[in-house]
Protein backbone atom coordinates (compact mmCIF):
# COMPACT_ATOMS: atom_id res chain seq x y z
CA MET A 1 88.73 36.57 272.65
CA ASN A 2 91.23 38.18 270.28
CA MET A 3 90.45 37.81 266.58
CA GLN A 4 92.78 38.94 263.81
CA ILE A 5 91.44 39.46 260.29
CA SER A 6 93.78 39.48 257.30
CA LEU A 7 93.21 41.92 254.49
CA ALA A 8 94.05 39.62 251.54
CA PRO A 9 91.15 37.15 252.01
CA ILE A 10 88.65 39.99 252.33
CA ILE A 11 89.92 41.61 249.12
CA ALA A 12 89.84 38.24 247.32
CA LEU A 13 86.27 37.63 248.47
CA LEU A 14 85.09 41.05 247.32
CA ALA A 15 86.86 40.64 243.97
CA GLY A 16 85.25 37.23 243.46
CA ILE A 17 81.78 38.59 244.19
CA LEU A 18 82.32 41.52 241.82
CA ILE A 19 83.50 39.18 239.06
CA LEU A 20 80.39 37.01 239.53
CA VAL A 21 78.11 40.05 239.39
CA GLN A 22 79.84 41.71 236.45
CA PRO A 23 82.33 39.49 234.57
CA ARG A 24 83.74 42.44 232.57
CA LEU A 25 85.37 43.66 235.79
CA LEU A 26 87.78 40.71 235.65
CA ASN A 27 90.15 42.58 233.33
CA TYR A 28 90.31 45.61 235.60
CA ILE A 29 90.66 43.61 238.81
CA VAL A 30 93.52 41.52 237.40
CA ALA A 31 95.23 44.61 235.96
CA ILE A 32 95.03 46.52 239.26
CA TYR A 33 96.30 43.47 241.16
CA LEU A 34 99.28 43.06 238.85
CA ILE A 35 100.14 46.76 239.03
CA VAL A 36 100.00 46.79 242.84
CA ILE A 37 102.10 43.62 243.14
CA GLY A 38 104.61 45.01 240.63
CA LEU A 39 104.93 48.32 242.49
CA LEU A 40 105.36 46.55 245.80
CA GLY A 41 108.04 44.38 244.23
CA LEU A 42 109.90 47.35 242.76
CA PHE A 43 109.75 49.68 245.73
CA GLY A 44 109.66 47.01 248.42
CA ALA A 45 107.14 46.44 251.13
CA GLY A 46 109.55 45.49 253.89
CA GLY A 47 108.12 47.90 256.43
CA MET A 48 104.50 47.47 255.38
CA ARG A 49 102.27 44.79 256.88
CA LEU A 50 98.81 44.33 255.40
CA THR A 51 97.19 42.31 258.15
């Protein structure tokens, strides 16, 4: 049986747990997410697959 796990749901799950445990982390998690998405948008992620 071949099972493929995506990276995005795992990161979302970990972020959700961290926010539940310590709500002050929400600001940092959102900021890091926006910075990463912005950098990927600027420099392109055509050759990069995060799966």
